Amino acid sequence: MTTLVITCFRNVLLFGSILLFFGSCYSVRLVSTNGAPMPDQNNRDDWYRDKRVLVLDTVIKANVAIDKITIPVKRLGCESGQLFSVEYKDTFGGNLLYLFTLGSKRKVKIKYVCMKPEN
């Protein structure tokens, strides 16, 4: 009987670890359909090539008492004051921090591209 309990516990733990590992990393990118991104010379090989990208890598506090979370956007480098795209990325390390702090802190990485000013 104890062997059956240990086997079931091990299988549940393995299945939970697989779900946590594979379901923990994702990113969401919102892109404007109007306007153009602000150009920049960079050496990137991804979607942000030739776009001025600003990265905000921070830890935000969240708990049951907080209704909403506000993330400040750096306006330096955004001449137009408008955003062309915003990408929110959640990582495995961020989920572990959230788990170990019992939901009071979350690590986020946000990339945003400013919109090109209209002339």
PDB file of N, CA and C in Angstrom:
ATOM      1  N   MET A   1       0.818  -1.196   0.000  1.00  0.00           N
ATOM      2  CA  MET A   1       0.000   0.000   0.000  1.00  0.00           C
ATOM      3  C   MET A   1       0.859   1.256   0.000  1.00  0.00           C
ATOM      4  N   THR A   2       1.925   1.292   0.793  1.00  0.00           N
ATOM      5  CA  THR A   2       2.795   2.463   0.832  1.00  0.00           C
ATOM      6  C   THR A   2       3.537   2.655  -0.488  1.00  0.00           C
ATOM      7  N   THR A   3       3.843   1.572  -1.182  1.00  0.00           N
ATOM      8  CA  THR A   3       4.491   1.681  -2.488  1.00  0.00           C
ATOM      9  C   THR A   3       3.555   2.351  -3.480  1.00  0.00           C
ATOM     10  N   LEU A   4       2.274   2.044  -3.424  1.00  0.00           N
ATOM     11  CA  LEU A   4       1.281   2.661  -4.306  1.00  0.00           C
ATOM     12  C   LEU A   4       1.158   4.158  -4.014  1.00  0.00           C
ATOM     13  N   VAL A   5       1.162   4.537  -2.761  1.00  0.00           N
ATOM     14  CA  VAL A   5       1.065   5.948  -2.377  1.00  0.00           C
ATOM     15  C   VAL A   5       2.301   6.714  -2.841  1.00  0.00           C
ATOM     16  N   ILE A   6       3.467   6.123  -2.664  1.00  0.00           N
ATOM     17  CA  ILE A   6       4.711   6.770  -3.092  1.00  0.00           C
ATOM     18  C   ILE A   6       4.739   6.912  -4.607  1.00  0.00           C
ATOM     19  N   THR A   7       4.297   5.900  -5.329  1.00  0.00           N
ATOM     20  CA  THR A   7       4.259   5.956  -6.786  1.00  0.00           C
ATOM     21  C   THR A   7       3.294   7.038  -7.261  1.00  0.00           C
ATOM     22  N   CYS A   8       2.114   7.110  -6.653  1.00  0.00           N
ATOM     23  CA  CYS A   8       1.135   8.130  -7.027  1.00  0.00           C
ATOM     24  C   CYS A   8       1.670   9.528  -6.729  1.00  0.00           C
ATOM     25  N   PHE A   9       2.296   9.705  -5.570  1.00  0.00           N
ATOM     26  CA  PHE A   9       2.860  11.000  -5.206  1.00  0.00           C
ATOM     27  C   PHE A   9       3.957  11.404  -6.188  1.00  0.00           C
ATOM     28  N   ARG A  10       4.810  10.452  -6.553  1.00  0.00           N
ATOM     29  CA  ARG A  10       5.890  10.727  -7.501  1.00  0.00           C
ATOM     30  C   ARG A  10       5.333  11.114  -8.863  1.00  0.00           C
ATOM     31  N   ASN A  11       4.289  10.427  -9.328  1.00  0.00           N
ATOM     32  CA  ASN A  11       3.690  10.746 -10.616  1.00  0.00           C
ATOM     33  C   ASN A  11       3.030  12.127 -10.614  1.00  0.00           C
ATOM     34  N   VAL A  12       2.352  12.450  -9.531  1.00  0.00           N
ATOM     35  CA  VAL A  12       1.728  13.773  -9.430  1.00  0.00           C
ATOM     36  C   VAL A  12       2.790  14.864  -9.397  1.00  0.00           C
ATOM     37  N   LEU A  13       3.868  14.639  -8.659  1.00  0.00           N
ATOM     38  CA  LEU A  13       4.962  15.597  -8.589  1.00  0.00           C
ATOM     39  C   LEU A  13       5.630  15.767  -9.950  1.00  0.00           C
ATOM     40  N   LEU A  14       5.849  14.693 -10.665  1.00  0.00           N
ATOM     41  CA  LEU A  14       6.448  14.744 -11.995  1.00  0.00           C
ATOM     42  C   LEU A  14       5.540  15.479 -12.969  1.00  0.00           C
ATOM     43  N   PHE A  15       4.261  15.159 -12.956  1.00  0.00           N
ATOM     44  CA  PHE A  15       3.300  15.813 -13.845  1.00  0.00           C
ATOM     45  C   PHE A  15       3.197  17.301 -13.536  1.00  0.00           C
ATOM     46  N   GLY A  16       3.177  17.660 -12.261  1.00  0.00           N
ATOM     47  CA  GLY A  16       3.120  19.070 -11.865  1.00  0.00           C
ATOM     48  C   GLY A  16       4.364  19.834 -12.287  1.00  0.00           C
ATOM     49  N   SER A  17       5.520  19.193 -12.173  1.00  0.00           N
ATOM     50  CA  SER A  17       6.774  19.831 -12.590  1.00  0.00           C
ATOM     51  C   SER A  17       6.794  20.065 -14.094  1.00  0.00           C
ATOM     52  N   ILE A  18       6.299  19.107 -14.851  1.00  0.00           N
ATOM     53  CA  ILE A  18       6.246  19.258 -16.308  1.00  0.00           C
ATOM     54  C   ILE A  18       5.315  20.398 -16.688  1.00  0.00           C
ATOM     55  N   LEU A  19       4.158  20.483 -16.038  1.00  0.00           N
ATOM     56  CA  LEU A  19       3.227  21.574 -16.326  1.00  0.00           C
ATOM     57  C   LEU A  19       3.832  22.925 -15.968  1.00  0.00           C
ATOM     58  N   LEU A  20       4.500  23.017 -14.846  1.00  0.00           N
ATOM     59  CA  LEU A  20       5.124  24.262 -14.428  1.00  0.00           C
ATOM     60  C   LEU A  20       6.238  24.656 -15.381  1.00  0.00           C
ATOM     61  N   PHE A  21       7.044  23.684 -15.810  1.00  0.00           N
ATOM     62  CA  PHE A  21       8.178  23.983 -16.677  1.00  0.00           C
ATOM     63  C   PHE A  21       7.728  24.420 -18.063  1.00  0.00           C
ATOM     64  N   PHE A  22       6.804  23.691 -18.678  1.00  0.00           N
ATOM     65  CA  PHE A  22       6.400  24.003 -20.045  1.00  0.00           C
ATOM     66  C   PHE A  22       5.370  25.126 -20.123  1.00  0.00           C
ATOM     67  N   GLY A  23       4.604  25.322 -19.109  1.00  0.00           N
ATOM     68  CA  GLY A  23       3.583  26.346 -19.158  1.00  0.00           C
ATOM     69  C   GLY A  23       3.977  27.631 -18.485  1.00  0.00           C
ATOM     70  N   SER A  24       5.240  27.820 -18.212  1.00  0.00           N
ATOM     71  CA  SER A  24       5.621  28.963 -17.401  1.00  0.00           C
ATOM     72  C   SER A  24       6.238  30.111 -18.186  1.00  0.00           C
ATOM     73  N   CYS A  25       6.647  29.919 -19.395  1.00  0.00           N
ATOM     74  CA  CYS A  25       7.301  30.983 -20.148  1.00  0.00           C
ATOM     75  C   CYS A  25       6.438  31.383 -21.330  1.00  0.00           C
ATOM     76  N   TYR A  26       6.086  32.647 -21.370  1.00  0.00           N
ATOM     77  CA  TYR A  26       5.304  33.141 -22.496  1.00  0.00           C
ATOM     78  C   TYR A  26       5.549  34.623 -22.664  1.00  0.00           C
ATOM     79  N   SER A  27       5.186  35.139 -23.819  1.00  0.00           N
ATOM     80  CA  SER A  27       5.254  36.580 -24.037  1.00  0.00           C
ATOM     81  C   SER A  27       4.054  37.004 -24.858  1.00  0.00           C
ATOM     82  N   VAL A  28       3.639  38.234 -24.621  1.00  0.00           N
ATOM     83  CA  VAL A  28       2.508  38.822 -25.330  1.00  0.00           C
ATOM     84  C   VAL A  28       2.987  40.139 -25.906  1.00  0.00           C
ATOM     85  N   ARG A  29       2.763  40.350 -27.202  1.00  0.00           N
ATOM     86  CA  ARG A  29       3.178  41.596 -27.853  1.00  0.00           C
ATOM     87  C   ARG A  29       1.951  42.279 -28.443  1.00  0.00           C
ATOM     88  N   LEU A  30       1.756  43.525 -28.067  1.00  0.00           N
ATOM     89  CA  LEU A  30       0.680  44.349 -28.617  1.00  0.00           C
ATOM     90  C   LEU A  30       1.313  45.372 -29.550  1.00  0.00           C
ATOM     91  N   VAL A  31       0.817  45.428 -30.795  1.00  0.00           N
ATOM     92  CA  VAL A  31       1.407  46.304 -31.803  1.00  0.00           C
ATOM     93  C   VAL A  31       0.325  47.219 -32.359  1.00  0.00           C
ATOM     94  N   SER A  32       0.660  48.487 -32.516  1.00  0.00           N
ATOM     95  CA  SER A  32      -0.260  49.467 -33.070  1.00  0.00           C
ATOM     96  C   SER A  32      -0.420  49.248 -34.569  1.00  0.00           C
ATOM     97  N   THR A  33      -1.626  49.483 -35.054  1.00  0.00           N
ATOM     98  CA  THR A  33      -1.875  49.376 -36.498  1.00  0.00           C
ATOM     99  C   THR A  33      -1.723  50.724 -37.180  1.00  0.00           C
ATOM    100  N   ASN A  34      -1.605  51.785 -36.416  1.00  0.00           N
ATOM    101  CA  ASN A  34      -1.420  53.134 -36.958  1.00  0.00           C
ATOM    102  C   ASN A  34      -0.033  53.626 -36.600  1.00  0.00           C
ATOM    103  N   GLY A  35       0.585  54.349 -37.504  1.00  0.00           N
ATOM    104  CA  GLY A  35       1.899  54.904 -37.228  1.00  0.00           C
ATOM    105  C   GLY A  35       3.022  53.947 -37.574  1.00  0.00           C
ATOM    106  N   ALA A  36       4.232  54.389 -37.274  1.00  0.00           N
ATOM    107  CA  ALA A  36       5.436  53.609 -37.574  1.00  0.00           C
ATOM    108  C   ALA A  36       6.348  53.631 -36.351  1.00  0.00           C
ATOM    109  N   PRO A  37       7.183  52.597 -36.205  1.00  0.00           N
ATOM    110  CA  PRO A  37       8.100  52.576 -35.066  1.00  0.00           C
ATOM    111  C   PRO A  37       9.227  53.591 -35.240  1.00  0.00           C
ATOM    112  N   MET A  38       9.756  54.057 -34.124  1.00  0.00           N
ATOM    113  CA  MET A  38      10.882  54.974 -34.156  1.00  0.00           C
ATOM    114  C   MET A  38      12.129  54.192 -34.582  1.00  0.00           C
ATOM    115  N   PRO A  39      12.817  54.646 -35.634  1.00  0.00           N
ATOM    116  CA  PRO A  39      13.983  53.897 -36.111  1.00  0.00           C
ATOM    117  C   PRO A  39      15.188  54.050 -35.192  1.00  0.00           C
ATOM    118  N   ASP A  40      16.056  53.044 -35.239  1.00  0.00           N
ATOM    119  CA  ASP A  40      17.283  53.053 -34.452  1.00  0.00           C
ATOM    120  C   ASP A  40      18.258  52.088 -35.104  1.00  0.00           C
ATOM    121  N   GLN A  41      19.529  52.398 -34.995  1.00  0.00           N
ATOM    122  CA  GLN A  41      20.563  51.502 -35.506  1.00  0.00           C
ATOM    123  C   GLN A  41      20.949  50.545 -34.385  1.00  0.00           C
ATOM    124  N   ASN A  42      20.667  49.256 -34.562  1.00  0.00           N
ATOM    125  CA  ASN A  42      21.070  48.268 -33.564  1.00  0.00           C
ATOM    126  C   ASN A  42      21.499  46.986 -34.262  1.00  0.00           C
ATOM    127  N   ASN A  43      22.116  46.091 -33.535  1.00  0.00           N
ATOM    128  CA  ASN A  43      22.655  44.847 -34.087  1.00  0.00           C
ATOM    129  C   ASN A  43      21.753  43.659 -33.825  1.00  0.00           C
ATOM    130  N   ARG A  44      20.493  43.877 -33.573  1.00  0.00           N
ATOM    131  CA  ARG A  44      19.586  42.786 -33.227  1.00  0.00           C
ATOM    132  C   ARG A  44      19.189  42.001 -34.473  1.00  0.00           C
ATOM    133  N   ASP A  45      18.858  40.723 -34.259  1.00  0.00           N
ATOM    134  CA  ASP A  45      18.402  39.867 -35.353  1.00  0.00           C
ATOM    135  C   ASP A  45      16.959  39.429 -35.156  1.00  0.00           C
ATOM    136  N   ASP A  46      16.239  40.057 -34.244  1.00  0.00           N
ATOM    137  CA  ASP A  46      14.864  39.653 -33.969  1.00  0.00           C
ATOM    138  C   ASP A  46      13.884  40.698 -34.498  1.00  0.00           C
ATOM    139  N   TRP A  47      12.672  40.683 -34.011  1.00  0.00           N
ATOM    140  CA  TRP A  47      11.612  41.576 -34.462  1.00  0.00           C
ATOM    141  C   TRP A  47      11.961  43.041 -34.220  1.00  0.00           C
ATOM    142  N   TYR A  48      12.844  43.322 -33.262  1.00  0.00           N
ATOM    143  CA  TYR A  48      13.182  44.684 -32.884  1.00  0.00           C
ATOM    144  C   TYR A  48      14.315  45.295 -33.711  1.00  0.00           C
ATOM    145  N   ARG A  49      14.737  44.616 -34.760  1.00  0.00           N
ATOM    146  CA  ARG A  49      15.807  45.130 -35.608  1.00  0.00           C
ATOM    147  C   ARG A  49      15.380  46.463 -36.222  1.00  0.00           C
ATOM    148  N   ASP A  50      16.276  47.439 -36.173  1.00  0.00           N
ATOM    149  CA  ASP A  50      16.065  48.787 -36.707  1.00  0.00           C
ATOM    150  C   ASP A  50      14.930  49.539 -36.019  1.00  0.00           C
ATOM    151  N   LYS A  51      14.596  49.160 -34.798  1.00  0.00           N
ATOM    152  CA  LYS A  51      13.602  49.876 -34.000  1.00  0.00           C
ATOM    153  C   LYS A  51      14.239  50.251 -32.674  1.00  0.00           C
ATOM    154  N   ARG A  52      13.899  51.435 -32.170  1.00  0.00           N
ATOM    155  CA  ARG A  52      14.404  51.832 -30.854  1.00  0.00           C
ATOM    156  C   ARG A  52      13.586  51.112 -29.794  1.00  0.00           C
ATOM    157  N   VAL A  53      14.215  50.172 -29.120  1.00  0.00           N
ATOM    158  CA  VAL A  53      13.540  49.359 -28.108  1.00  0.00           C
ATOM    159  C   VAL A  53      14.057  49.752 -26.726  1.00  0.00           C
ATOM    160  N   LEU A  54      13.137  49.933 -25.800  1.00  0.00           N
ATOM    161  CA  LEU A  54      13.469  50.227 -24.414  1.00  0.00           C
ATOM    162  C   LEU A  54      13.012  49.046 -23.574  1.00  0.00           C
ATOM    163  N   VAL A  55      13.845  48.613 -22.632  1.00  0.00           N
ATOM    164  CA  VAL A  55      13.556  47.421 -21.835  1.00  0.00           C
ATOM    165  C   VAL A  55      13.411  47.824 -20.375  1.00  0.00           C
ATOM    166  N   LEU A  56      12.351  47.333 -19.762  1.00  0.00           N
ATOM    167  CA  LEU A  56      12.104  47.536 -18.337  1.00  0.00           C
ATOM    168  C   LEU A  56      12.078  46.161 -17.693  1.00  0.00           C
ATOM    169  N   ASP A  57      13.096  45.862 -16.909  1.00  0.00           N
ATOM    170  CA  ASP A  57      13.218  44.572 -16.218  1.00  0.00           C
ATOM    171  C   ASP A  57      13.120  44.859 -14.726  1.00  0.00           C
ATOM    172  N   THR A  58      11.993  44.537 -14.102  1.00  0.00           N
ATOM    173  CA  THR A  58      11.746  44.950 -12.735  1.00  0.00           C
ATOM    174  C   THR A  58      10.952  43.906 -11.961  1.00  0.00           C
ATOM    175  N   VAL A  59      10.885  44.102 -10.669  1.00  0.00           N
ATOM    176  CA  VAL A  59      10.061  43.266  -9.797  1.00  0.00           C
ATOM    177  C   VAL A  59       8.937  44.150  -9.279  1.00  0.00           C
ATOM    178  N   ILE A  60       7.701  43.698  -9.472  1.00  0.00           N
ATOM    179  CA  ILE A  60       6.550  44.463  -8.998  1.00  0.00           C
ATOM    180  C   ILE A  60       5.946  43.762  -7.800  1.00  0.00           C
ATOM    181  N   LYS A  61       5.371  44.552  -6.915  1.00  0.00           N
ATOM    182  CA  LYS A  61       4.728  43.998  -5.730  1.00  0.00           C
ATOM    183  C   LYS A  61       3.247  43.803  -6.034  1.00  0.00           C
ATOM    184  N   ALA A  62       2.748  42.649  -5.660  1.00  0.00           N
ATOM    185  CA  ALA A  62       1.334  42.340  -5.862  1.00  0.00           C
ATOM    186  C   ALA A  62       0.869  41.463  -4.714  1.00  0.00           C
ATOM    187  N   ASN A  63      -0.299  41.763  -4.200  1.00  0.00           N
ATOM    188  CA  ASN A  63      -0.889  40.899  -3.192  1.00  0.00           C
ATOM    189  C   ASN A  63      -2.402  41.024  -3.250  1.00  0.00           C
ATOM    190  N   VAL A  64      -3.081  40.428  -2.347  1.00  0.00           N
ATOM    191  CA  VAL A  64      -4.537  40.398  -2.370  1.00  0.00           C
ATOM    192  C   VAL A  64      -5.122  41.795  -2.167  1.00  0.00           C
ATOM    193  N   ALA A  65      -4.446  42.652  -1.413  1.00  0.00           N
ATOM    194  CA  ALA A  65      -4.975  43.977  -1.108  1.00  0.00           C
ATOM    195  C   ALA A  65      -4.840  44.958  -2.262  1.00  0.00           C
ATOM    196  N   ILE A  66      -4.014  44.643  -3.265  1.00  0.00           N
ATOM    197  CA  ILE A  66      -3.799  45.548  -4.391  1.00  0.00           C
ATOM    198  C   ILE A  66      -4.782  45.188  -5.499  1.00  0.00           C
ATOM    199  N   ASP A  67      -5.631  46.156  -5.881  1.00  0.00           N
ATOM    200  CA  ASP A  67      -6.626  45.913  -6.929  1.00  0.00           C
ATOM    201  C   ASP A  67      -6.005  45.907  -8.318  1.00  0.00           C
ATOM    202  N   LYS A  68      -5.109  46.847  -8.569  1.00  0.00           N
ATOM    203  CA  LYS A  68      -4.490  46.923  -9.881  1.00  0.00           C
ATOM    204  C   LYS A  68      -3.014  47.254  -9.733  1.00  0.00           C
ATOM    205  N   ILE A  69      -2.274  46.900 -10.745  1.00  0.00           N
ATOM    206  CA  ILE A  69      -0.840  47.122 -10.724  1.00  0.00           C
ATOM    207  C   ILE A  69      -0.505  48.109 -11.833  1.00  0.00           C
ATOM    208  N   THR A  70       0.221  49.155 -11.496  1.00  0.00           N
ATOM    209  CA  THR A  70       0.645  50.143 -12.475  1.00  0.00           C
ATOM    210  C   THR A  70       2.135  49.986 -12.694  1.00  0.00           C
ATOM    211  N   ILE A  71       2.529  49.876 -13.941  1.00  0.00           N
ATOM    212  CA  ILE A  71       3.937  49.734 -14.286  1.00  0.00           C
ATOM    213  C   ILE A  71       4.360  51.019 -14.992  1.00  0.00           C
ATOM    214  N   PRO A  72       5.312  51.754 -14.430  1.00  0.00           N
ATOM    215  CA  PRO A  72       5.726  53.014 -15.051  1.00  0.00           C
ATOM    216  C   PRO A  72       6.494  52.767 -16.346  1.00  0.00           C
ATOM    217  N   VAL A  73       6.256  53.615 -17.325  1.00  0.00           N
ATOM    218  CA  VAL A  73       6.938  53.528 -18.611  1.00  0.00           C
ATOM    219  C   VAL A  73       7.931  54.674 -18.693  1.00  0.00           C
ATOM    220  N   LYS A  74       9.159  54.359 -19.040  1.00  0.00           N
ATOM    221  CA  LYS A  74      10.182  55.388 -19.185  1.00  0.00           C
ATOM    222  C   LYS A  74       9.873  56.219 -20.422  1.00  0.00           C
ATOM    223  N   ARG A  75       9.740  57.504 -20.235  1.00  0.00           N
ATOM    224  CA  ARG A  75       9.426  58.376 -21.364  1.00  0.00           C
ATOM    225  C   ARG A  75      10.687  58.896 -22.023  1.00  0.00           C
ATOM    226  N   LEU A  76      11.847  58.658 -21.421  1.00  0.00           N
ATOM    227  CA  LEU A  76      13.083  59.093 -22.052  1.00  0.00           C
ATOM    228  C   LEU A  76      13.281  58.303 -23.338  1.00  0.00           C
ATOM    229  N   GLY A  77      13.560  58.988 -24.402  1.00  0.00           N
ATOM    230  CA  GLY A  77      13.736  58.320 -25.680  1.00  0.00           C
ATOM    231  C   GLY A  77      12.459  58.232 -26.486  1.00  0.00           C
ATOM    232  N   CYS A  78      11.340  58.592 -25.902  1.00  0.00           N
ATOM    233  CA  CYS A  78      10.051  58.610 -26.610  1.00  0.00           C
ATOM    234  C   CYS A  78       9.682  60.056 -26.896  1.00  0.00           C
ATOM    235  N   GLU A  79      10.137  60.564 -28.022  1.00  0.00           N
ATOM    236  CA  GLU A  79       9.876  61.958 -28.363  1.00  0.00           C
ATOM    237  C   GLU A  79       8.390  62.220 -28.596  1.00  0.00           C
ATOM    238  N   SER A  80       7.700  61.258 -29.186  1.00  0.00           N
ATOM    239  CA  SER A  80       6.285  61.464 -29.513  1.00  0.00           C
ATOM    240  C   SER A  80       5.382  61.257 -28.305  1.00  0.00           C
ATOM    241  N   GLY A  81       5.862  60.552 -27.293  1.00  0.00           N
ATOM    242  CA  GLY A  81       5.036  60.242 -26.132  1.00  0.00           C
ATOM    243  C   GLY A  81       4.030  59.140 -26.400  1.00  0.00           C
ATOM    244  N   GLN A  82       4.136  58.468 -27.550  1.00  0.00           N
ATOM    245  CA  GLN A  82       3.230  57.381 -27.929  1.00  0.00           C
ATOM    246  C   GLN A  82       4.020  56.091 -28.077  1.00  0.00           C
ATOM    247  N   LEU A  83       3.351  54.964 -27.811  1.00  0.00           N
ATOM    248  CA  LEU A  83       3.997  53.658 -27.927  1.00  0.00           C
ATOM    249  C   LEU A  83       3.536  52.949 -29.189  1.00  0.00           C
ATOM    250  N   PHE A  84       4.481  52.372 -29.925  1.00  0.00           N
ATOM    251  CA  PHE A  84       4.156  51.590 -31.113  1.00  0.00           C
ATOM    252  C   PHE A  84       3.873  50.143 -30.744  1.00  0.00           C
ATOM    253  N   SER A  85       4.670  49.582 -29.830  1.00  0.00           N
ATOM    254  CA  SER A  85       4.453  48.201 -29.408  1.00  0.00           C
ATOM    255  C   SER A  85       4.887  48.022 -27.963  1.00  0.00           C
ATOM    256  N   VAL A  86       4.263  47.046 -27.314  1.00  0.00           N
ATOM    257  CA  VAL A  86       4.596  46.685 -25.942  1.00  0.00           C
ATOM    258  C   VAL A  86       4.633  45.164 -25.866  1.00  0.00           C
ATOM    259  N   GLU A  87       5.703  44.609 -25.317  1.00  0.00           N
ATOM    260  CA  GLU A  87       5.806  43.159 -25.135  1.00  0.00           C
ATOM    261  C   GLU A  87       6.011  42.863 -23.650  1.00  0.00           C
ATOM    262  N   TYR A  88       5.154  42.013 -23.121  1.00  0.00           N
ATOM    263  CA  TYR A  88       5.240  41.558 -21.730  1.00  0.00           C
ATOM    264  C   TYR A  88       5.739  40.133 -21.752  1.00  0.00           C
ATOM    265  N   LYS A  89       6.799  39.858 -21.001  1.00  0.00           N
ATOM    266  CA  LYS A  89       7.374  38.510 -20.990  1.00  0.00           C
ATOM    267  C   LYS A  89       7.393  37.965 -19.576  1.00  0.00           C
ATOM    268  N   ASP A  90       6.902  36.755 -19.441  1.00  0.00           N
ATOM    269  CA  ASP A  90       6.894  36.050 -18.173  1.00  0.00           C
ATOM    270  C   ASP A  90       7.891  34.895 -18.293  1.00  0.00           C
ATOM    271  N   THR A  91       8.704  34.702 -17.267  1.00  0.00           N
ATOM    272  CA  THR A  91       9.746  33.681 -17.328  1.00  0.00           C
ATOM    273  C   THR A  91       9.585  32.664 -16.205  1.00  0.00           C
ATOM    274  N   PHE A  92      10.315  31.591 -16.309  1.00  0.00           N
ATOM    275  CA  PHE A  92      10.308  30.553 -15.288  1.00  0.00           C
ATOM    276  C   PHE A  92      10.814  31.102 -13.956  1.00  0.00           C
ATOM    277  N   GLY A  93      11.875  31.913 -13.999  1.00  0.00           N
ATOM    278  CA  GLY A  93      12.405  32.518 -12.779  1.00  0.00           C
ATOM    279  C   GLY A  93      11.405  33.459 -12.125  1.00  0.00           C
ATOM    280  N   GLY A  94      10.658  34.195 -12.954  1.00  0.00           N
ATOM    281  CA  GLY A  94       9.623  35.079 -12.428  1.00  0.00           C
ATOM    282  C   GLY A  94       8.513  34.311 -11.749  1.00  0.00           C
ATOM    283  N   ASN A  95       8.163  33.162 -12.309  1.00  0.00           N
ATOM    284  CA  ASN A  95       7.138  32.320 -11.689  1.00  0.00           C
ATOM    285  C   ASN A  95       7.631  31.704 -10.383  1.00  0.00           C
ATOM    286  N   LEU A  96       8.913  31.334 -10.323  1.00  0.00           N
ATOM    287  CA  LEU A  96       9.462  30.811  -9.073  1.00  0.00           C
ATOM    288  C   LEU A  96       9.466  31.875  -7.982  1.00  0.00           C
ATOM    289  N   LEU A  97       9.825  33.115  -8.341  1.00  0.00           N
ATOM    290  CA  LEU A  97       9.789  34.204  -7.371  1.00  0.00           C
ATOM    291  C   LEU A  97       8.367  34.405  -6.864  1.00  0.00           C
ATOM    292  N   TYR A  98       7.402  34.376  -7.762  1.00  0.00           N
ATOM    293  CA  TYR A  98       5.992  34.526  -7.383  1.00  0.00           C
ATOM    294  C   TYR A  98       5.566  33.398  -6.443  1.00  0.00           C
ATOM    295  N   LEU A  99       6.022  32.198  -6.721  1.00  0.00           N
ATOM    296  CA  LEU A  99       5.670  31.043  -5.905  1.00  0.00           C
ATOM    297  C   LEU A  99       6.305  31.121  -4.512  1.00  0.00           C
ATOM    298  N   PHE A 100       7.595  31.456  -4.453  1.00  0.00           N
ATOM    299  CA  PHE A 100       8.298  31.476  -3.169  1.00  0.00           C
ATOM    300  C   PHE A 100       7.918  32.663  -2.288  1.00  0.00           C
ATOM    301  N   THR A 101       7.437  33.757  -2.892  1.00  0.00           N
ATOM    302  CA  THR A 101       6.999  34.907  -2.093  1.00  0.00           C
ATOM    303  C   THR A 101       5.499  34.858  -1.834  1.00  0.00           C
ATOM    304  N   LEU A 102       4.890  33.730  -2.147  1.00  0.00           N
ATOM    305  CA  LEU A 102       3.451  33.513  -1.945  1.00  0.00           C
ATOM    306  C   LEU A 102       2.606  34.577  -2.631  1.00  0.00           C
ATOM    307  N   GLY A 103       3.012  34.968  -3.829  1.00  0.00           N
ATOM    308  CA  GLY A 103       2.236  35.882  -4.641  1.00  0.00           C
ATOM    309  C   GLY A 103       2.439  37.348  -4.346  1.00  0.00           C
ATOM    310  N   SER A 104       3.427  37.707  -3.539  1.00  0.00           N
ATOM    311  CA  SER A 104       3.594  39.119  -3.214  1.00  0.00           C
ATOM    312  C   SER A 104       4.532  39.855  -4.168  1.00  0.00           C
ATOM    313  N   LYS A 105       5.362  39.140  -4.922  1.00  0.00           N
ATOM    314  CA  LYS A 105       6.274  39.781  -5.876  1.00  0.00           C
ATOM    315  C   LYS A 105       6.270  39.004  -7.184  1.00  0.00           C
ATOM    316  N   ARG A 106       6.402  39.749  -8.272  1.00  0.00           N
ATOM    317  CA  ARG A 106       6.459  39.125  -9.594  1.00  0.00           C
ATOM    318  C   ARG A 106       7.504  39.860 -10.427  1.00  0.00           C
ATOM    319  N   LYS A 107       8.371  39.091 -11.063  1.00  0.00           N
ATOM    320  CA  LYS A 107       9.406  39.657 -11.933  1.00  0.00           C
ATOM    321  C   LYS A 107       8.855  39.717 -13.350  1.00  0.00           C
ATOM    322  N   VAL A 108       8.927  40.888 -13.957  1.00  0.00           N
ATOM    323  CA  VAL A 108       8.430  41.066 -15.318  1.00  0.00           C
ATOM    324  C   VAL A 108       9.505  41.719 -16.168  1.00  0.00           C
ATOM    325  N   LYS A 109       9.440  41.435 -17.444  1.00  0.00           N
ATOM    326  CA  LYS A 109      10.318  42.070 -18.421  1.00  0.00           C
ATOM    327  C   LYS A 109       9.427  42.648 -19.501  1.00  0.00           C
ATOM    328  N   ILE A 110       9.516  43.948 -19.680  1.00  0.00           N
ATOM    329  CA  ILE A 110       8.669  44.636 -20.649  1.00  0.00           C
ATOM    330  C   ILE A 110       9.564  45.335 -21.658  1.00  0.00           C
ATOM    331  N   LYS A 111       9.281  45.098 -22.936  1.00  0.00           N
ATOM    332  CA  LYS A 111       9.994  45.785 -24.017  1.00  0.00           C
ATOM    333  C   LYS A 111       8.975  46.654 -24.735  1.00  0.00           C
ATOM    334  N   TYR A 112       9.340  47.891 -24.989  1.00  0.00           N
ATOM    335  CA  TYR A 112       8.431  48.732 -25.744  1.00  0.00           C
ATOM    336  C   TYR A 112       9.198  49.572 -26.754  1.00  0.00           C
ATOM    337  N   VAL A 113       8.494  49.857 -27.838  1.00  0.00           N
ATOM    338  CA  VAL A 113       9.040  50.636 -28.940  1.00  0.00           C
ATOM    339  C   VAL A 113       8.213  51.901 -29.060  1.00  0.00           C
ATOM    340  N   CYS A 114       8.866  53.034 -29.118  1.00  0.00           N
ATOM    341  CA  CYS A 114       8.164  54.295 -29.256  1.00  0.00           C
ATOM    342  C   CYS A 114       7.704  54.494 -30.699  1.00  0.00           C
ATOM    343  N   MET A 115       6.624  55.262 -30.842  1.00  0.00           N
ATOM    344  CA  MET A 115       6.126  55.573 -32.170  1.00  0.00           C
ATOM    345  C   MET A 115       6.912  56.745 -32.740  1.00  0.00           C
ATOM    346  N   LYS A 116       7.129  56.704 -34.031  1.00  0.00           N
ATOM    347  CA  LYS A 116       7.845  57.748 -34.731  1.00  0.00           C
ATOM    348  C   LYS A 116       7.017  59.030 -34.685  1.00  0.00           C
ATOM    349  N   PRO A 117       7.645  60.166 -34.323  1.00  0.00           N
ATOM    350  CA  PRO A 117       6.880  61.420 -34.283  1.00  0.00           C
ATOM    351  C   PRO A 117       6.444  61.838 -35.687  1.00  0.00           C
ATOM    352  N   GLU A 118       5.244  62.385 -35.744  1.00  0.00           N
ATOM    353  CA  GLU A 118       4.734  62.871 -37.040  1.00  0.00           C
ATOM    354  C   GLU A 118       5.335  64.213 -37.332  1.00  0.00           C
ATOM    355  N   ASN A 119       5.752  64.405 -38.561  1.00  0.00           N
ATOM    356  CA  ASN A 119       6.380  65.684 -38.958  1.00  0.00           C
ATOM    357  C   ASN A 119       5.403  66.597 -39.602  1.00  0.00           C
TER     358      ASN A 119
END
